[in-house]
Amino acid sequence: MSPHEHGEVFVLDDGGEVDLDLGNYERYLNITLNKENNITTGKIYQHVIERERRGDFLGRTVQVVPHLTDAIQDWIQRVAKIPVDDTKEEPDVCIIELGGTVGDIESGPFIEALRQLRRRAGKDNFLQCHVSLIPIVNGEQKTKPTQQAIKDVKSAGLIPDLIFCRCLQRLEKSTTEKIALFCDVEPSQVVGVHDVPSTYHVPLLLEQQGLVPLLRNILQLSSVTIAPTLTHQGSKTWETWKSLTMSQDFVRDTVTIALIGMNWKYTNLRDSYLSVIKSLEHAALACSRKLNLVFVDASHLEQGSKTSPSEYHKAWHEVHTADGIIVPGGFGQRGTEGMIAAANCARTNKKPYLGICLGFQIACIEFARNVCKIQAAASIELDERTSDPVIIHMPEIDRKTMGATMRLGLRPTHFQPGSEWSKLRNLYCQNSGAALSNGSLSTKTNGATSSPVILERHRHRYEVNPAYVETLTSHELSFIAKDDSGDRMEILELKNHPWFVGVQFHPEYLSRVLRPSKPYLGFIAASAGCLDHVLGVDGVRNGIEGINI
């Protein structure tokens, strides 16, 4: 999936590489999905072809209708029954996102399948929501695009029950009534979704417009039996959400973070770093700070590159004036010397630093060059002929085939004995007796010791060269956590630094609005100057489980 078209590639627990939309669902609904929740045209065609080869159709002609459309419906109904949260219960409601536009060749079979699914599901068991844009031209809200869209949708056999209207401004009453009249729905079925201070305010906006009673009535949810404990938990979560998002409107203190991106292609495409951005937002919310995220093109930090002097000085000004520096994951050579320079700036100036995947490896290379005096230290990815490969291919990775050959999915990381001083370890161990719905902390221990084991999602094909670990650690670069084998470095941290942490995994994939990722939380707290409070020095709760501030 190209970052230009799809944004980031999101990774699930089972290693599924999927569209970033599934990451949004996990973050907002606090659920855990698997690769089966991601239905693509290729998967469906492959599934039907495999069934035909097995003889499931007994020699009949295989067609789009009914075989492909039936396969889509069967897939949805099967996956809809898979538990997705801590209750391990079968879900009561399944959300299906049908992307694209009516008329697209790719979406044709899926539209027909959902038309049939409404009938298969039966009365009061199917609800269709249509999202449409209400443009503003010369100050007037225009409804014609929505009217035409609903007409096209109906011609395909889909009948919207609710129409969600995206608009820069609050929908005017006349606009709502006009859409209701020409789209054959009640005004109450037209839901306005205008721009709000943050996406975390959208649930409040929908509640104010009576969305919950609408859903309850259309789907007859009153007949669903819900355990009192779950009802209480839901009410508590909702109150915490409202309190957190509303309080953010009154926050005045700002934390400025410099995100060092791979190159101009990705730093101009914010969706390429969507999970990183959301994780930083979650942590800033928890620390009662407004996030000021500055994107810095890593190549602009390189001296002697094609960067103009103005771009070079502007980039370094942004780095030096930031409260913290983050180097996220990525692939390729361009801009990596700029990242190494940024890591050096953070280390030598005691500025909070967080390295994710590639950023973890960058921190190792910088330390090897400037502290261990290994001048030629580099990564095999960046320089195949380097005489000092501090970062190498993982031995189990296929070096010739690029697709689907990375180390993917949820994997254990073991904190090492003697790492009790670690700020990150202490963050992970806060409230360790409580069940964490995002799966970050495991109840297992490291062999005969009591060292904690964490579970985080991975996506990489390179690792720290074991041959250089002793040299790095002898110069006080601490690898505080390793994988199951004890040979693969997973987390580094500098002891005498406000926050200098690198992780081989991608903690952003498990960050939640009400339960921020620990590496991101510590990084933002250190950048904002409140890390001691988050670590529990004062022990005053801010209303979010597991965070003391």
Protein backbone atom coordinates (compact mmCIF):
# COMPACT_ATOMS: atom_id res chain seq x y z
CA MET A 1 0.00 0.00 0.00
CA SER A 2 1.55 3.27 -1.11
CA PRO A 3 1.75 5.97 1.58
CA HIS A 4 0.60 8.42 -1.09
CA GLU A 5 -2.72 6.61 -1.49
CA HIS A 6 -3.36 4.77 1.77
CA GLY A 7 -1.22 6.48 4.41
CA GLU A 8 0.51 4.23 6.89
CA VAL A 9 0.35 0.45 6.95
CA PHE A 10 -1.26 -0.58 10.22
CA VAL A 11 -0.21 -3.85 11.88
CA LEU A 12 -2.54 -6.06 13.92
CA ASP A 13 -1.79 -8.57 16.69
CA ASP A 14 -1.73 -11.51 14.26
CA GLY A 15 0.70 -9.71 11.94
CA GLY A 16 -1.91 -8.60 9.44
CA GLU A 17 -0.81 -5.53 7.47
CA VAL A 18 -3.96 -3.51 6.85
CA ASP A 19 -5.36 -0.10 5.99
CA LEU A 20 -5.02 2.62 8.64
CA ASP A 21 -8.82 2.72 9.05
CA LEU A 22 -8.64 -0.45 11.15
CA GLY A 23 -6.23 1.39 13.43
CA ASN A 24 -8.83 4.13 13.89
CA TYR A 25 -11.45 1.56 14.89
CA GLU A 26 -9.10 -0.07 17.38
CA ARG A 27 -8.13 3.27 18.94
CA TYR A 28 -11.62 4.73 19.26
CA LEU A 29 -13.52 1.58 20.21
CA ASN A 30 -10.75 0.04 22.33
CA ILE A 31 -11.00 -3.29 20.52
CA THR A 32 -8.52 -5.77 19.04
CA LEU A 33 -9.05 -6.85 15.45
CA ASN A 34 -7.38 -9.46 13.25
CA LYS A 35 -6.55 -9.79 9.57
CA GLU A 36 -9.97 -11.37 8.93
CA ASN A 37 -11.55 -8.01 9.74
CA ASN A 38 -9.90 -6.60 6.62
CA ILE A 39 -11.76 -7.71 3.49
CA THR A 40 -10.17 -6.92 0.13
CA THR A 41 -11.08 -7.72 -3.46
CA GLY A 42 -7.99 -9.93 -3.78
CA LYS A 43 -8.86 -11.94 -0.67
CA ILE A 44 -12.42 -12.57 -1.83
CA TYR A 45 -11.44 -13.62 -5.36
CA GLN A 46 -8.70 -15.89 -3.99
CA HIS A 47 -11.16 -17.43 -1.51
CA VAL A 48 -13.73 -18.17 -4.24
CA ILE A 49 -11.10 -19.56 -6.64
CA GLU A 50 -9.73 -21.85 -3.93
CA ARG A 51 -13.24 -23.14 -3.22
CA GLU A 52 -13.78 -23.80 -6.93
CA ARG A 53 -10.48 -25.72 -7.14
CA ARG A 54 -11.58 -27.88 -4.21
CA GLY A 55 -14.75 -28.71 -6.05
CA ASP A 56 -17.11 -26.92 -3.66
CA PHE A 57 -19.28 -25.74 -6.55
CA LEU A 58 -19.50 -29.21 -8.18
CA GLY A 59 -18.62 -28.03 -11.65
CA ARG A 60 -21.13 -25.17 -11.76
CA THR A 61 -20.21 -21.94 -13.52
CA VAL A 62 -18.65 -19.57 -10.97
CA GLN A 63 -19.97 -16.02 -11.27
CA VAL A 64 -19.78 -12.70 -9.44
CA VAL A 65 -23.43 -13.17 -8.50
CA PRO A 66 -24.13 -15.30 -6.54
CA HIS A 67 -20.77 -16.87 -5.69
CA LEU A 68 -18.68 -13.76 -5.04
CA THR A 69 -21.46 -11.83 -3.32
CA ASP A 70 -22.36 -14.84 -1.17
CA ALA A 71 -18.70 -15.20 -0.16
CA ILE A 72 -18.62 -11.57 0.96
CA GLN A 73 -21.78 -11.99 3.05
CA ASP A 74 -20.55 -15.25 4.58
CA TRP A 75 -17.22 -13.64 5.44
CA ILE A 76 -18.92 -10.69 7.17
CA GLN A 77 -21.28 -12.91 9.17
CA ARG A 78 -18.46 -15.21 10.25
CA VAL A 79 -16.09 -12.43 11.36
CA ALA A 80 -18.92 -10.52 13.08
CA LYS A 81 -19.11 -13.28 15.70
CA ILE A 82 -15.44 -13.11 16.71
CA PRO A 83 -14.90 -11.48 20.17
CA VAL A 84 -12.91 -8.24 19.95
CA ASP A 85 -12.59 -7.07 23.56
CA ASP A 86 -11.77 -8.24 27.08
CA THR A 87 -15.23 -9.72 27.66
CA LYS A 88 -14.54 -12.43 25.06
CA GLU A 89 -18.24 -12.30 24.25
CA GLU A 90 -19.78 -12.39 20.79
CA PRO A 91 -20.37 -8.79 19.63
CA ASP A 92 -23.94 -7.48 19.50
CA VAL A 93 -23.27 -5.08 16.62
CA CYS A 94 -20.86 -5.30 13.69
CA ILE A 95 -19.71 -2.15 11.87
CA ILE A 96 -19.01 -2.58 8.16
CA GLU A 97 -17.15 0.18 6.34
CA LEU A 98 -17.79 0.17 2.60
CA GLY A 99 -15.18 2.49 1.12
CA GLY A 100 -15.01 4.08 -2.30
CA THR A 101 -17.75 5.63 -4.41
CA VAL A 102 -20.86 4.17 -5.98
CA GLY A 103 -19.98 3.52 -9.61
CA ASP A 104 -16.40 2.38 -8.94
CA ILE A 105 -15.59 -0.88 -10.69
CA GLU A 106 -13.81 -2.24 -7.63
CA SER A 107 -16.73 -1.74 -5.24
CA GLY A 108 -19.50 -3.17 -7.43
CA PRO A 109 -19.59 -6.72 -5.96
CA PHE A 110 -19.40 -5.35 -2.42
CA ILE A 111 -22.32 -2.97 -2.95
CA GLU A 112 -24.44 -5.79 -4.32
CA ALA A 113 -23.40 -8.05 -1.43
CA LEU A 114 -24.49 -5.48 1.14
CA ARG A 115 -27.77 -4.96 -0.68
CA GLN A 116 -28.41 -8.66 -0.29
CA LEU A 117 -27.10 -8.70 3.29
CA ARG A 118 -29.85 -6.31 4.40
CA ARG A 119 -32.40 -8.90 3.30
CA ARG A 120 -30.45 -11.80 4.78
CA ALA A 121 -30.06 -10.04 8.15
CA GLY A 122 -33.78 -9.35 8.38
CA LYS A 123 -35.89 -6.53 9.77
CA ASP A 124 -34.40 -4.40 12.57
CA ASN A 125 -30.98 -6.01 12.06
CA PHE A 126 -29.43 -3.79 9.40
CA LEU A 127 -28.69 -0.07 9.43
CA GLN A 128 -27.02 1.83 6.62
CA CYS A 129 -25.24 5.15 7.23
CA HIS A 130 -24.20 7.31 4.31
CA VAL A 131 -21.47 9.96 4.69
CA SER A 132 -21.65 12.95 2.38
CA LEU A 133 -19.93 16.31 2.03
CA ILE A 134 -21.85 19.58 2.26
CA PRO A 135 -19.67 22.16 0.48
CA ILE A 136 -20.01 25.87 1.20
CA VAL A 137 -20.05 28.14 -1.85
CA ASN A 138 -20.12 31.90 -1.29
CA GLY A 139 -21.35 31.32 2.24
CA GLU A 140 -24.20 29.00 1.23
CA GLN A 141 -24.40 25.33 2.21
CA LYS A 142 -25.02 23.29 -0.95
CA THR A 143 -27.09 20.11 -0.82
CA LYS A 144 -27.07 19.09 -4.50
CA PRO A 145 -23.99 16.81 -4.19
CA THR A 146 -25.67 14.93 -1.34
CA GLN A 147 -28.96 14.65 -3.21
CA GLN A 148 -27.17 13.18 -6.24
CA ALA A 149 -25.11 10.81 -4.07
CA ILE A 150 -28.22 9.43 -2.36
CA LYS A 151 -29.88 9.03 -5.77
CA ASP A 152 -26.88 7.01 -7.02
CA VAL A 153 -26.80 4.90 -3.87
CA LYS A 154 -30.49 4.08 -4.14
CA SER A 155 -30.07 3.15 -7.79
CA ALA A 156 -27.54 0.55 -6.64
CA GLY A 157 -30.07 -0.89 -4.22
CA LEU A 158 -28.79 0.64 -0.97
CA ILE A 159 -31.24 2.68 1.13
CA PRO A 160 -29.59 4.96 3.74
CA ASP A 161 -31.21 5.02 7.17
CA LEU A 162 -28.98 7.85 8.39
CA ILE A 163 -27.17 10.55 6.43
CA PHE A 164 -24.05 12.00 8.05
CA CYS A 165 -23.21 15.39 6.57
CA ARG A 166 -19.63 16.65 6.82
CA CYS A 167 -19.40 20.41 6.72
CA LEU A 168 -17.05 23.16 7.81
CA GLN A 169 -19.87 24.80 9.74
CA ARG A 170 -22.82 23.61 11.77
CA LEU A 171 -25.68 22.51 9.49
CA GLU A 172 -28.39 25.12 9.12
CA LYS A 173 -31.97 24.05 9.79
CA SER A 174 -32.93 24.80 6.18
CA THR A 175 -30.08 22.59 4.94
CA THR A 176 -31.22 19.68 7.12
CA GLU A 177 -34.83 20.04 6.00
CA LYS A 178 -33.85 20.22 2.35
CA ILE A 179 -31.75 17.04 2.56
CA ALA A 180 -34.56 15.27 4.42
CA LEU A 181 -37.12 16.31 1.79
CA PHE A 182 -35.16 15.31 -1.31
CA CYS A 183 -33.49 12.22 0.17
CA ASP A 184 -36.72 10.80 1.62
CA VAL A 185 -35.71 10.67 5.29
CA GLU A 186 -36.85 12.41 8.46
CA PRO A 187 -34.91 15.52 9.60
CA SER A 188 -33.82 13.54 12.67
CA GLN A 189 -32.09 11.09 10.33
CA VAL A 190 -29.83 13.84 8.96
CA VAL A 191 -26.83 14.11 11.31
CA GLY A 192 -24.48 17.07 11.01
CA VAL A 193 -20.77 16.51 11.57
CA HIS A 194 -19.19 19.93 11.38
CA ASP A 195 -15.59 20.80 12.20
CA VAL A 196 -14.78 20.67 15.92
CA PRO A 197 -11.56 21.44 17.87
CA SER A 198 -10.45 17.79 17.69
CA THR A 199 -11.74 14.44 16.49
CA TYR A 200 -12.19 13.44 20.14
CA HIS A 201 -15.10 15.90 20.31
CA VAL A 202 -17.03 14.12 17.53
CA PRO A 203 -18.67 11.49 19.82
CA LEU A 204 -19.98 14.35 21.99
CA LEU A 205 -21.33 16.08 18.89
CA LEU A 206 -23.15 12.94 17.78
CA GLU A 207 -24.61 12.38 21.24
CA GLN A 208 -25.98 15.92 21.30
CA GLN A 209 -27.90 15.20 18.10
CA GLY A 210 -29.59 12.13 19.54
CA LEU A 211 -27.63 9.48 17.66
CA VAL A 212 -27.90 6.92 20.47
CA PRO A 213 -31.73 6.86 20.54
CA LEU A 214 -31.74 6.66 16.74
CA LEU A 215 -29.49 3.60 16.75
CA ARG A 216 -31.45 2.04 19.59
CA ASN A 217 -34.75 2.44 17.76
CA ILE A 218 -33.63 1.38 14.27
CA LEU A 219 -31.76 -1.72 15.48
CA GLN A 220 -34.10 -2.47 18.41
CA LEU A 221 -31.13 -2.52 20.78
CA SER A 222 -33.41 -2.33 23.80
CA SER A 223 -34.02 -6.04 23.36
CA VAL A 224 -30.31 -6.83 23.76
CA THR A 225 -29.37 -8.10 27.22
CA ILE A 226 -26.25 -6.41 28.59
CA ALA A 227 -24.62 -7.34 31.89
CA PRO A 228 -24.87 -4.58 34.55
CA THR A 229 -21.08 -4.61 34.97
CA LEU A 230 -20.61 -3.81 31.28
CA THR A 231 -23.23 -1.07 31.44
CA HIS A 232 -21.41 0.47 34.39
CA GLN A 233 -18.07 0.16 32.62
CA GLY A 234 -19.47 1.83 29.52
CA SER A 235 -20.93 4.72 31.52
CA LYS A 236 -17.65 5.19 33.36
CA THR A 237 -15.68 5.19 30.09
CA TRP A 238 -18.05 7.73 28.55
CA GLU A 239 -17.80 10.08 31.54
CA THR A 240 -14.00 9.83 31.46
CA TRP A 241 -14.00 10.54 27.72
CA LYS A 242 -16.17 13.63 28.13
CA SER A 243 -14.16 14.91 31.07
CA LEU A 244 -10.86 14.46 29.26
CA THR A 245 -11.89 16.00 25.93
CA MET A 246 -13.78 18.92 27.46
CA SER A 247 -10.95 19.77 29.85
CA GLN A 248 -8.59 19.93 26.87
CA ASP A 249 -10.46 23.03 25.65
CA PHE A 250 -9.13 24.92 28.67
CA VAL A 251 -5.52 23.74 28.49
CA ARG A 252 -3.06 26.53 27.84
CA ASP A 253 0.34 24.87 28.25
CA THR A 254 1.88 23.58 25.01
CA VAL A 255 4.46 20.89 24.33
CA THR A 256 6.37 21.20 21.05
CA ILE A 257 7.60 18.01 19.41
CA ALA A 258 9.84 17.80 16.35
CA LEU A 259 9.00 14.75 14.22
CA ILE A 260 11.98 13.92 12.01
CA GLY A 261 10.45 12.42 8.85
CA MET A 262 12.06 10.27 6.19
CA ASN A 263 11.76 12.82 3.40
CA TRP A 264 9.45 15.43 1.95
CA LYS A 265 7.20 12.75 0.45
CA TYR A 266 6.15 11.46 3.85
CA THR A 267 6.34 14.57 6.04
CA ASN A 268 3.87 16.25 3.68
CA LEU A 269 1.58 13.23 4.00
CA ARG A 270 0.47 13.26 7.63
CA ASP A 271 -1.42 9.98 7.23
CA SER A 272 1.93 8.24 6.72
CA TYR A 273 2.52 8.81 10.44
CA LEU A 274 -1.11 8.70 11.60
CA SER A 275 -0.65 6.24 14.48
CA VAL A 276 2.42 8.14 15.68
CA ILE A 277 0.49 11.42 15.62
CA LYS A 278 -2.49 9.91 17.44
CA SER A 279 -0.23 8.38 20.09
CA LEU A 280 1.39 11.75 20.70
CA GLU A 281 -2.10 13.28 21.00
CA HIS A 282 -3.19 10.60 23.49
CA ALA A 283 -0.12 11.25 25.65
CA ALA A 284 -0.55 15.03 25.45
CA LEU A 285 -4.18 14.67 26.58
CA ALA A 286 -3.04 12.62 29.56
CA CYS A 287 -0.42 15.23 30.46
CA SER A 288 -2.87 18.14 30.07
CA ARG A 289 -0.86 19.72 27.26
CA LYS A 290 -1.70 20.98 23.82
CA LEU A 291 0.43 19.23 21.22
CA ASN A 292 2.36 21.40 18.79
CA LEU A 293 3.76 18.93 16.28
CA VAL A 294 6.44 20.23 13.94
CA PHE A 295 7.34 18.10 10.91
CA VAL A 296 11.01 18.31 9.98
CA ASP A 297 12.39 16.87 6.74
CA ALA A 298 15.38 14.79 7.87
CA SER A 299 17.31 15.57 4.67
CA HIS A 300 17.20 19.28 5.56
CA LEU A 301 19.32 18.51 8.64
CA GLU A 302 22.18 17.16 6.53
CA GLN A 303 25.07 19.47 5.93
CA GLY A 304 26.35 19.47 2.37
CA SER A 305 23.16 18.03 0.91
CA LYS A 306 21.09 19.67 -1.81
CA THR A 307 19.18 21.52 0.90
CA SER A 308 19.28 25.29 0.61
CA PRO A 309 20.90 27.25 3.49
CA SER A 310 17.50 28.66 4.49
CA GLU A 311 15.94 25.19 4.70
CA TYR A 312 18.95 23.88 6.63
CA HIS A 313 18.86 26.64 9.24
CA LYS A 314 15.06 26.53 9.52
CA ALA A 315 15.13 22.78 10.13
CA TRP A 316 17.77 23.03 12.84
CA HIS A 317 15.96 25.95 14.45
CA GLU A 318 12.85 23.78 14.72
CA VAL A 319 14.86 20.93 16.24
CA HIS A 320 16.65 23.12 18.79
CA THR A 321 13.48 24.95 19.87
CA ALA A 322 11.40 21.77 20.24
CA ASP A 323 10.79 20.31 23.69
CA GLY A 324 11.37 16.77 22.40
CA ILE A 325 12.53 14.88 19.29
CA ILE A 326 10.92 11.77 17.84
CA VAL A 327 12.30 9.66 14.98
CA PRO A 328 9.56 7.24 13.83
CA GLY A 329 9.81 4.10 11.72
CA GLY A 330 10.55 4.09 8.03
CA PHE A 331 12.56 2.52 5.25
CA GLY A 332 15.20 3.77 2.83
CA GLN A 333 18.45 5.72 2.97
CA ARG A 334 17.41 9.28 2.26
CA GLY A 335 17.51 11.57 5.29
CA THR A 336 19.06 9.04 7.66
CA GLU A 337 22.21 11.12 8.26
CA GLY A 338 19.91 13.96 9.29
CA MET A 339 18.17 11.62 11.71
CA ILE A 340 21.52 10.59 13.18
CA ALA A 341 22.38 14.27 13.65
CA ALA A 342 19.03 14.86 15.38
CA ALA A 343 19.63 11.90 17.72
CA ASN A 344 23.06 13.32 18.55
CA CYS A 345 21.47 16.68 19.31
CA ALA A 346 18.97 15.06 21.68
CA ARG A 347 21.61 12.97 23.46
CA THR A 348 24.22 15.67 23.94
CA ASN A 349 21.74 18.42 24.86
CA LYS A 350 19.69 16.29 27.26
CA LYS A 351 16.61 16.77 25.12
CA PRO A 352 13.91 14.04 25.36
CA TYR A 353 14.21 11.57 22.49
CA LEU A 354 12.04 8.70 21.34
CA GLY A 355 13.17 6.40 18.54
CA ILE A 356 10.66 3.99 17.01
CA CYS A 357 11.95 1.01 14.98
CA LEU A 358 14.26 2.85 12.54
CA GLY A 359 14.63 5.57 15.19
CA PHE A 360 15.85 2.89 17.62
CA GLN A 361 18.45 1.76 15.11
CA ILE A 362 19.44 5.36 14.36
CA ALA A 363 20.12 5.93 18.07
CA CYS A 364 22.40 2.86 18.12
CA ILE A 365 24.35 4.08 15.09
CA GLU A 366 24.75 7.58 16.53
CA PHE A 367 25.98 6.20 19.86
CA ALA A 368 28.40 3.83 18.15
CA ARG A 369 29.90 6.62 16.06
CA ASN A 370 30.15 9.40 18.62
CA VAL A 371 30.58 7.60 21.95
CA CYS A 372 32.19 4.28 21.01
CA LYS A 373 34.23 6.01 18.25
CA ILE A 374 33.23 3.46 15.59
CA GLN A 375 33.36 5.99 12.78
CA ALA A 376 32.10 3.65 10.06
CA ALA A 377 29.11 2.43 12.10
CA ALA A 378 26.07 2.06 9.86
CA SER A 379 23.16 -0.15 8.93
CA ILE A 380 23.23 -2.80 6.21
CA GLU A 381 20.04 -1.18 4.95
CA LEU A 382 21.84 2.14 4.45
CA ASP A 383 25.27 0.87 3.36
CA GLU A 384 25.63 -2.77 2.33
CA ARG A 385 29.44 -2.47 2.23
CA THR A 386 29.97 -0.87 5.63
CA SER A 387 32.90 -2.27 7.57
CA ASP A 388 31.04 -1.84 10.87
CA PRO A 389 27.44 -3.09 10.43
CA VAL A 390 25.89 -2.13 13.77
CA ILE A 391 22.47 -2.89 12.27
CA ILE A 392 22.04 -6.09 10.22
CA HIS A 393 19.39 -8.24 8.56
CA MET A 394 17.62 -10.59 10.92
CA PRO A 395 18.87 -14.10 10.05
CA GLU A 396 15.38 -15.51 9.47
CA ILE A 397 14.43 -12.80 6.96
CA ASP A 398 14.41 -13.49 3.20
CA ARG A 399 16.81 -10.92 1.73
CA LYS A 400 15.58 -11.32 -1.84
CA THR A 401 11.80 -11.18 -1.38
CA MET A 402 10.59 -7.85 0.01
CA GLY A 403 6.86 -8.53 0.36
CA ALA A 404 5.46 -10.13 3.55
CA THR A 405 8.90 -11.09 4.88
CA MET A 406 9.15 -8.86 7.95
CA ARG A 407 8.87 -9.77 11.62
CA LEU A 408 5.25 -8.86 12.19
CA GLY A 409 2.61 -8.82 14.89
CA LEU A 410 2.36 -9.03 18.67
CA ARG A 411 5.54 -10.42 20.26
CA PRO A 412 6.90 -10.59 23.81
CA THR A 413 9.69 -8.34 25.05
CA HIS A 414 11.46 -9.24 28.31
CA PHE A 415 12.81 -6.56 30.64
CA GLN A 416 16.25 -7.59 31.83
CA PRO A 417 17.37 -8.07 35.44
CA GLY A 418 19.06 -4.93 36.70
CA SER A 419 16.82 -2.61 34.67
CA GLU A 420 14.68 -1.61 37.66
CA TRP A 421 16.02 1.95 37.34
CA SER A 422 14.45 2.34 33.91
CA LYS A 423 11.80 5.05 33.60
CA LEU A 424 10.09 3.17 30.78
CA ARG A 425 10.00 -0.08 32.73
CA ASN A 426 8.43 1.71 35.70
CA LEU A 427 5.77 3.18 33.42
CA TYR A 428 4.90 -0.23 32.02
CA CYS A 429 4.67 -1.67 35.53
CA GLN A 430 2.25 0.95 36.86
CA ASN A 431 -0.97 -0.77 37.96
CA SER A 432 0.43 -4.08 36.71
CA GLY A 433 -2.28 -5.90 38.63
CA ALA A 434 -4.97 -4.40 36.42
CA ALA A 435 -5.96 -5.99 33.14
CA LEU A 436 -4.86 -3.86 30.24
CA SER A 437 -7.25 -4.01 27.33
CA ASN A 438 -4.59 -2.99 24.83
CA GLY A 439 -2.43 -5.99 25.74
CA SER A 440 0.72 -4.03 26.57
CA LEU A 441 1.65 -5.79 29.81
CA SER A 442 1.75 -9.54 30.11
CA THR A 443 1.21 -11.39 33.37
CA LYS A 444 4.12 -13.71 32.54
CA THR A 445 7.49 -13.39 34.20
CA ASN A 446 10.92 -13.78 32.73
CA GLY A 447 11.83 -17.37 33.67
CA ALA A 448 12.62 -17.71 37.35
CA THR A 449 12.89 -13.95 37.81
CA SER A 450 10.13 -11.42 38.35
CA SER A 451 11.16 -9.25 35.42
CA PRO A 452 8.02 -8.18 33.52
CA VAL A 453 7.23 -9.16 29.98
CA ILE A 454 5.42 -6.75 27.66
CA LEU A 455 3.56 -7.48 24.45
CA GLU A 456 3.92 -5.01 21.60
CA ARG A 457 3.44 -5.13 17.84
CA HIS A 458 6.44 -5.32 15.51
CA ARG A 459 7.16 -4.55 11.87
CA HIS A 460 10.83 -4.75 10.92
CA ARG A 461 13.47 -6.78 9.08
CA TYR A 462 16.67 -5.37 10.64
CA GLU A 463 18.12 -5.69 14.15
CA VAL A 464 21.07 -4.62 16.28
CA ASN A 465 24.13 -6.69 15.45
CA PRO A 466 24.81 -8.93 18.51
CA ALA A 467 28.54 -8.62 17.81
CA TYR A 468 28.42 -4.92 18.81
CA VAL A 469 26.19 -5.18 21.86
CA GLU A 470 29.03 -5.62 24.34
CA THR A 471 30.85 -2.58 22.97
CA LEU A 472 27.74 -0.42 23.15
CA THR A 473 26.81 -1.53 26.66
CA SER A 474 30.38 -1.05 27.92
CA HIS A 475 29.95 2.63 27.05
CA GLU A 476 26.70 2.78 29.08
CA LEU A 477 24.09 2.33 26.38
CA SER A 478 21.65 0.09 28.23
CA PHE A 479 19.58 -2.50 26.38
CA ILE A 480 16.96 -2.91 29.10
CA ALA A 481 14.76 -5.40 27.21
CA LYS A 482 15.27 -8.24 24.74
CA ASP A 483 13.21 -10.82 22.87
CA ASP A 484 12.48 -14.41 23.93
CA SER A 485 15.90 -15.65 22.85
CA GLY A 486 17.76 -12.91 24.68
CA ASP A 487 19.79 -12.20 21.54
CA ARG A 488 17.61 -9.55 19.88
CA MET A 489 17.70 -6.04 21.39
CA GLU A 490 14.23 -4.55 21.87
CA ILE A 491 14.59 -1.44 24.07
CA LEU A 492 17.48 0.93 24.75
CA GLU A 493 17.58 3.66 27.37
CA LEU A 494 20.22 6.05 28.66
CA LYS A 495 20.37 6.15 32.44
CA ASN A 496 21.61 9.70 33.00
CA HIS A 497 19.27 11.44 30.60
CA PRO A 498 15.81 13.00 31.09
CA TRP A 499 14.40 10.59 28.47
CA PHE A 500 16.44 8.90 25.77
CA VAL A 501 14.55 5.78 24.72
CA GLY A 502 14.48 3.67 21.60
CA VAL A 503 12.18 0.71 20.92
CA GLN A 504 12.38 -1.84 18.11
CA PHE A 505 8.61 -2.36 18.14
CA HIS A 506 5.80 0.06 17.21
CA PRO A 507 4.00 1.02 20.45
CA GLU A 508 1.73 3.41 18.54
CA TYR A 509 -0.27 0.46 17.24
CA LEU A 510 -1.59 -0.24 20.76
CA SER A 511 -2.10 3.31 22.00
CA ARG A 512 -5.64 4.21 23.07
CA VAL A 513 -7.31 7.54 23.80
CA LEU A 514 -7.88 6.71 27.46
CA ARG A 515 -4.80 4.51 27.81
CA PRO A 516 -1.80 6.10 26.07
CA SER A 517 1.18 4.05 24.94
CA LYS A 518 3.82 4.01 27.69
CA PRO A 519 6.81 5.01 25.53
CA TYR A 520 4.83 7.94 24.12
CA LEU A 521 3.45 8.92 27.51
CA GLY A 522 6.92 9.00 29.06
CA PHE A 523 8.31 10.93 26.10
CA ILE A 524 5.60 13.61 26.19
CA ALA A 525 5.76 13.85 29.98
CA ALA A 526 9.53 14.31 29.88
CA SER A 527 9.19 16.91 27.12
CA ALA A 528 6.53 18.74 29.14
CA GLY A 529 8.55 18.57 32.37
CA CYS A 530 6.06 16.43 34.29
CA LEU A 531 7.61 12.96 34.06
CA ASP A 532 8.13 12.70 37.83
CA HIS A 533 4.41 13.25 38.34
CA VAL A 534 3.50 10.65 35.74
CA LEU A 535 5.86 8.19 37.41
CA GLY A 536 3.84 8.66 40.59
CA VAL A 537 5.94 10.98 42.73
CA ASP A 538 2.88 13.01 43.76
CA GLY A 539 0.37 10.23 43.16
CA VAL A 540 -2.52 12.53 42.23
CA ARG A 541 -4.77 10.92 39.65
CA ASN A 542 -5.94 12.81 36.59
CA GLY A 543 -8.87 10.48 35.93
CA ILE A 544 -7.23 8.06 33.51
CA GLU A 545 -6.45 4.56 34.71
CA GLY A 546 -2.77 3.96 35.15
CA ILE A 547 -1.59 7.59 34.96
CA ASN A 548 -0.53 9.59 37.98
CA ILE A 549 -0.12 13.30 37.43
